[in-house]
Amino acid sequence: MTTPDVLVRCQNAARTFGRGSAAVVAVHGADCEVHAGDRIAITGPSGSGKSTLLHLMAALERPTTGTVSWPGLPDGPVAAQVGVVFQGPSLVPALDVAENAALPLVLAGVPENRARRRALESLALVAAADLATKLPEELSGGQAQRVAVARVLALAPRLVLADEPTGQLDRTTGQHIVDVLLDAADTIGAALVVTTHDPAVADRLAVRWAMHEGRLHAASDPPRRSQAAVSRGETP
């Protein structure tokens, strides 16, 4: 795989929190790459280090040792090319849905009228255009997560990282959010990495990695299916 195809590369990347006897190693020496077009699930129980690995990929955390690089991304801030969907509530309560979706663009210096137009387009991608004038407190959990996805899509990132995006949702709503993520990633041509402890979510993505006690284990591929079949949740 050529360097332009490698969106993020971890080389012996580790992350430790705290010092001395209180130190906790969240990720031990991870080696992995995410390529353009990838659809990857990172599985493992709570506390296994999968969220920390995702944060390293997003440049939200710096590795204590080792390196994380983004050879396939244009020069400039990683945040402009890597979008993150968080598990918990991440919308600004005082802003309506359209303003929330436009916020990263406004903060990046995009003129407000253009930012709003792109925000409305991204809301339409996740079937949330009708929510544009609502406040976060008026949304269901599933609706709020769709808006969070739209906010990421407005940036048109090359890589979308979703951290337990269904963790606080019921099974039906969670599967719908996975549909939204897969469809949106296809539409904007982004790679997608999802952390999850739910096998039903992991089975929707083409490749599975596993985390256990901070260690990233060999990736595994499910039985061969077309990407369309994977997206639809069909079983072989």
Protein backbone atom coordinates (compact mmCIF):
# COMPACT_ATOMS: atom_id res chain seq x y z
CA MET A 1 0.00 0.00 0.00
CA THR A 2 1.51 3.32 -1.05
CA THR A 3 2.01 6.15 1.44
CA PRO A 4 -0.82 8.33 -0.01
CA ASP A 5 -3.22 5.45 0.72
CA VAL A 6 -2.17 5.29 4.39
CA LEU A 7 -4.31 7.79 6.25
CA VAL A 8 -2.90 7.03 9.71
CA ARG A 9 -0.03 4.83 10.84
CA CYS A 10 0.78 3.78 14.42
CA GLN A 11 4.29 2.46 15.00
CA ASN A 12 4.90 0.94 18.41
CA ALA A 13 2.53 3.63 19.75
CA ALA A 14 1.87 3.45 23.49
CA ARG A 15 -0.03 5.70 25.86
CA THR A 16 0.48 5.78 29.62
CA PHE A 17 -1.55 7.87 32.05
CA GLY A 18 -0.05 8.89 35.38
CA ARG A 19 3.43 8.26 36.74
CA GLY A 20 5.26 5.92 39.04
CA SER A 21 3.20 3.39 40.94
CA ALA A 22 0.01 5.13 39.77
CA ALA A 23 0.87 4.77 36.08
CA VAL A 24 -1.66 2.97 33.88
CA VAL A 25 -0.69 1.79 30.40
CA ALA A 26 -3.81 2.27 28.28
CA VAL A 27 -2.20 1.17 25.00
CA HIS A 28 0.91 -1.01 24.65
CA GLY A 29 3.04 -0.59 21.52
CA ALA A 30 0.33 -0.67 18.84
CA ASP A 31 1.33 -1.22 15.20
CA CYS A 32 -1.42 -0.62 12.64
CA GLU A 33 -2.42 1.33 9.55
CA VAL A 34 -5.73 2.65 8.27
CA HIS A 35 -5.92 2.89 4.50
CA ALA A 36 -8.19 4.91 2.26
CA GLY A 37 -11.57 3.20 1.97
CA ASP A 38 -11.10 0.96 5.01
CA ARG A 39 -14.08 -0.11 7.14
CA ILE A 40 -12.66 -1.28 10.47
CA ALA A 41 -14.23 -2.29 13.78
CA ILE A 42 -12.04 -2.22 16.89
CA THR A 43 -13.60 -4.55 19.45
CA GLY A 44 -12.94 -5.18 23.11
CA PRO A 45 -14.52 -4.72 26.54
CA SER A 46 -14.64 -1.42 28.41
CA GLY A 47 -11.17 -0.46 29.58
CA SER A 48 -9.37 -2.48 26.90
CA GLY A 49 -7.76 0.61 25.36
CA LYS A 50 -9.74 0.88 22.15
CA SER A 51 -10.93 4.45 22.82
CA THR A 52 -7.40 5.56 23.67
CA LEU A 53 -6.12 4.04 20.42
CA LEU A 54 -8.81 5.96 18.54
CA HIS A 55 -7.80 9.17 20.32
CA LEU A 56 -4.19 8.59 19.27
CA MET A 57 -5.34 8.22 15.66
CA ALA A 58 -7.29 11.47 15.95
CA ALA A 59 -4.36 13.36 17.54
CA LEU A 60 -6.51 13.95 20.62
CA GLU A 61 -3.81 12.16 22.63
CA ARG A 62 -0.07 12.03 22.04
CA PRO A 63 1.75 8.71 22.31
CA THR A 64 3.97 8.37 25.37
CA THR A 65 6.33 6.30 23.24
CA GLY A 66 6.32 5.33 19.59
CA THR A 67 4.82 7.42 16.81
CA VAL A 68 1.52 8.19 15.12
CA SER A 69 1.65 9.76 11.67
CA TRP A 70 -0.79 10.71 8.91
CA PRO A 71 1.20 10.26 5.68
CA GLY A 72 -1.82 10.23 3.38
CA LEU A 73 -3.36 13.47 4.68
CA PRO A 74 -2.58 16.93 3.29
CA ASP A 75 -0.35 19.22 5.30
CA GLY A 76 -2.21 21.08 8.01
CA PRO A 77 -4.08 20.31 11.23
CA VAL A 78 -5.10 16.68 11.60
CA ALA A 79 -8.46 17.84 12.99
CA ALA A 80 -9.34 19.26 9.57
CA GLN A 81 -9.02 15.83 7.91
CA VAL A 82 -10.06 13.44 10.69
CA GLY A 83 -13.59 13.60 12.09
CA VAL A 84 -14.49 12.09 15.46
CA VAL A 85 -17.94 10.94 16.60
CA PHE A 86 -17.99 10.52 20.38
CA GLN A 87 -20.07 8.13 22.45
CA GLY A 88 -21.64 10.60 24.85
CA PRO A 89 -23.51 13.87 24.30
CA SER A 90 -21.28 16.25 22.38
CA LEU A 91 -23.66 18.93 21.12
CA VAL A 92 -23.50 22.49 22.46
CA PRO A 93 -26.78 23.00 24.39
CA ALA A 94 -27.16 26.70 23.51
CA LEU A 95 -26.88 26.14 19.75
CA ASP A 96 -29.57 24.73 17.50
CA VAL A 97 -28.87 21.68 15.34
CA ALA A 98 -27.75 23.61 12.26
CA GLU A 99 -25.45 25.78 14.36
CA ASN A 100 -23.98 22.70 16.03
CA ALA A 101 -23.31 21.07 12.66
CA ALA A 102 -21.70 24.28 11.36
CA LEU A 103 -19.60 24.96 14.47
CA PRO A 104 -16.35 23.17 13.42
CA LEU A 105 -16.44 25.01 10.09
CA VAL A 106 -16.97 28.37 11.76
CA LEU A 107 -14.11 27.67 14.16
CA ALA A 108 -11.95 26.80 11.15
CA GLY A 109 -12.63 30.21 9.65
CA VAL A 110 -15.25 29.28 7.06
CA PRO A 111 -17.69 32.19 6.49
CA GLU A 112 -20.92 31.65 8.43
CA ASN A 113 -23.23 31.55 5.40
CA ARG A 114 -21.07 28.92 3.68
CA ALA A 115 -20.67 26.98 6.92
CA ARG A 116 -24.44 26.90 7.40
CA ARG A 117 -25.00 25.72 3.84
CA ARG A 118 -22.54 22.86 4.27
CA ALA A 119 -24.07 22.03 7.65
CA LEU A 120 -27.54 21.76 6.12
CA GLU A 121 -26.17 19.55 3.35
CA SER A 122 -24.56 17.23 5.90
CA LEU A 123 -27.76 17.10 7.95
CA ALA A 124 -29.60 16.03 4.80
CA LEU A 125 -27.06 13.20 4.34
CA VAL A 126 -28.08 11.72 7.71
CA ALA A 127 -31.83 12.39 7.25
CA ALA A 128 -31.82 15.13 9.90
CA ALA A 129 -32.55 18.24 7.83
CA ASP A 130 -35.94 18.58 9.53
CA LEU A 131 -34.18 18.97 12.90
CA ALA A 132 -32.16 22.03 11.86
CA THR A 133 -33.91 24.54 14.15
CA LYS A 134 -34.28 22.28 17.19
CA LEU A 135 -32.13 22.55 20.31
CA PRO A 136 -30.19 19.50 21.56
CA GLU A 137 -32.55 19.12 24.54
CA GLU A 138 -35.41 18.49 22.09
CA LEU A 139 -33.67 15.54 20.44
CA SER A 140 -33.79 11.82 21.17
CA GLY A 141 -30.52 9.97 21.70
CA GLY A 142 -30.56 8.65 18.15
CA GLN A 143 -31.32 12.07 16.69
CA ALA A 144 -28.50 13.68 18.68
CA GLN A 145 -26.06 11.06 17.43
CA ARG A 146 -27.16 11.64 13.83
CA VAL A 147 -26.46 15.35 14.30
CA ALA A 148 -23.05 14.52 15.76
CA VAL A 149 -22.33 12.47 12.63
CA ALA A 150 -23.52 15.36 10.43
CA ARG A 151 -21.18 17.76 12.25
CA VAL A 152 -18.26 15.50 11.33
CA LEU A 153 -19.41 15.10 7.73
CA ALA A 154 -19.61 18.86 7.25
CA LEU A 155 -15.81 18.91 7.38
CA ALA A 156 -15.65 16.28 4.59
CA PRO A 157 -12.85 14.40 6.38
CA ARG A 158 -10.74 11.67 4.78
CA LEU A 159 -11.09 9.56 7.91
CA VAL A 160 -14.06 9.18 10.29
CA LEU A 161 -13.41 7.73 13.76
CA ALA A 162 -16.49 6.75 15.77
CA ASP A 163 -15.98 5.91 19.46
CA GLU A 164 -18.72 3.54 20.67
CA PRO A 165 -21.32 5.52 18.66
CA THR A 166 -24.11 3.09 19.63
CA GLY A 167 -23.08 2.55 23.24
CA GLN A 168 -25.90 4.63 24.75
CA LEU A 169 -28.58 3.65 22.25
CA ASP A 170 -31.05 0.77 22.03
CA ARG A 171 -30.29 -1.99 19.50
CA THR A 172 -32.62 -0.73 16.74
CA THR A 173 -31.46 2.89 17.00
CA GLY A 174 -27.85 1.75 17.21
CA GLN A 175 -28.12 -0.26 14.01
CA HIS A 176 -29.62 2.78 12.30
CA ILE A 177 -26.63 4.89 13.39
CA VAL A 178 -24.31 2.27 11.88
CA ASP A 179 -26.33 2.54 8.65
CA VAL A 180 -25.88 6.32 8.75
CA LEU A 181 -22.12 6.06 9.34
CA LEU A 182 -21.57 3.52 6.55
CA ASP A 183 -23.71 5.41 4.04
CA ALA A 184 -22.14 8.75 4.92
CA ALA A 185 -18.59 7.39 4.69
CA ASP A 186 -19.42 5.97 1.26
CA THR A 187 -20.90 9.30 0.14
CA ILE A 188 -17.91 11.44 1.13
CA GLY A 189 -15.31 8.77 0.29
CA ALA A 190 -13.92 8.51 3.81
CA ALA A 191 -12.35 5.60 5.65
CA LEU A 192 -14.29 4.56 8.75
CA VAL A 193 -13.04 3.13 12.06
CA VAL A 194 -15.58 2.26 14.77
CA THR A 195 -14.82 1.12 18.32
CA THR A 196 -17.46 -1.15 19.79
CA HIS A 197 -18.07 -3.92 22.30
CA ASP A 198 -21.16 -5.03 20.34
CA PRO A 199 -20.56 -7.98 17.94
CA ALA A 200 -23.62 -6.97 15.92
CA VAL A 201 -22.00 -3.61 15.18
CA ALA A 202 -18.57 -5.11 14.47
CA ASP A 203 -20.09 -7.56 11.98
CA ARG A 204 -21.25 -4.62 9.86
CA LEU A 205 -17.67 -3.59 9.03
CA ALA A 206 -15.36 -5.45 6.67
CA VAL A 207 -12.34 -5.81 9.00
CA ARG A 208 -12.15 -6.44 12.72
CA TRP A 209 -9.30 -5.62 15.11
CA ALA A 210 -9.36 -6.62 18.79
CA MET A 211 -8.04 -4.87 21.89
CA HIS A 212 -7.35 -6.71 25.15
CA GLU A 213 -5.72 -5.15 28.20
CA GLY A 214 -4.26 -2.39 26.08
CA ARG A 215 -2.83 -4.63 23.38
CA LEU A 216 -3.92 -4.59 19.76
CA HIS A 217 -4.26 -8.12 18.38
CA ALA A 218 -4.11 -9.32 14.80
CA ALA A 219 -6.83 -8.05 12.52
CA SER A 220 -9.33 -10.56 11.23
CA ASP A 221 -11.60 -10.54 8.22
CA PRO A 222 -15.11 -11.99 8.35
CA PRO A 223 -16.27 -14.34 5.56
CA ARG A 224 -16.03 -12.63 2.19
CA ARG A 225 -18.97 -10.38 1.44
CA SER A 226 -19.41 -7.43 -0.84
CA GLN A 227 -19.18 -4.03 0.86
CA ALA A 228 -22.83 -3.47 -0.05
CA ALA A 229 -23.80 -6.68 1.71
CA VAL A 230 -21.74 -5.72 4.74
CA SER A 231 -23.46 -2.33 4.85
CA ARG A 232 -26.87 -3.96 4.68
CA GLY A 233 -25.98 -6.29 7.51
CA GLU A 234 -26.43 -9.42 5.42
CA THR A 235 -24.91 -12.64 6.72
CA PRO A 236 -22.99 -14.98 4.43
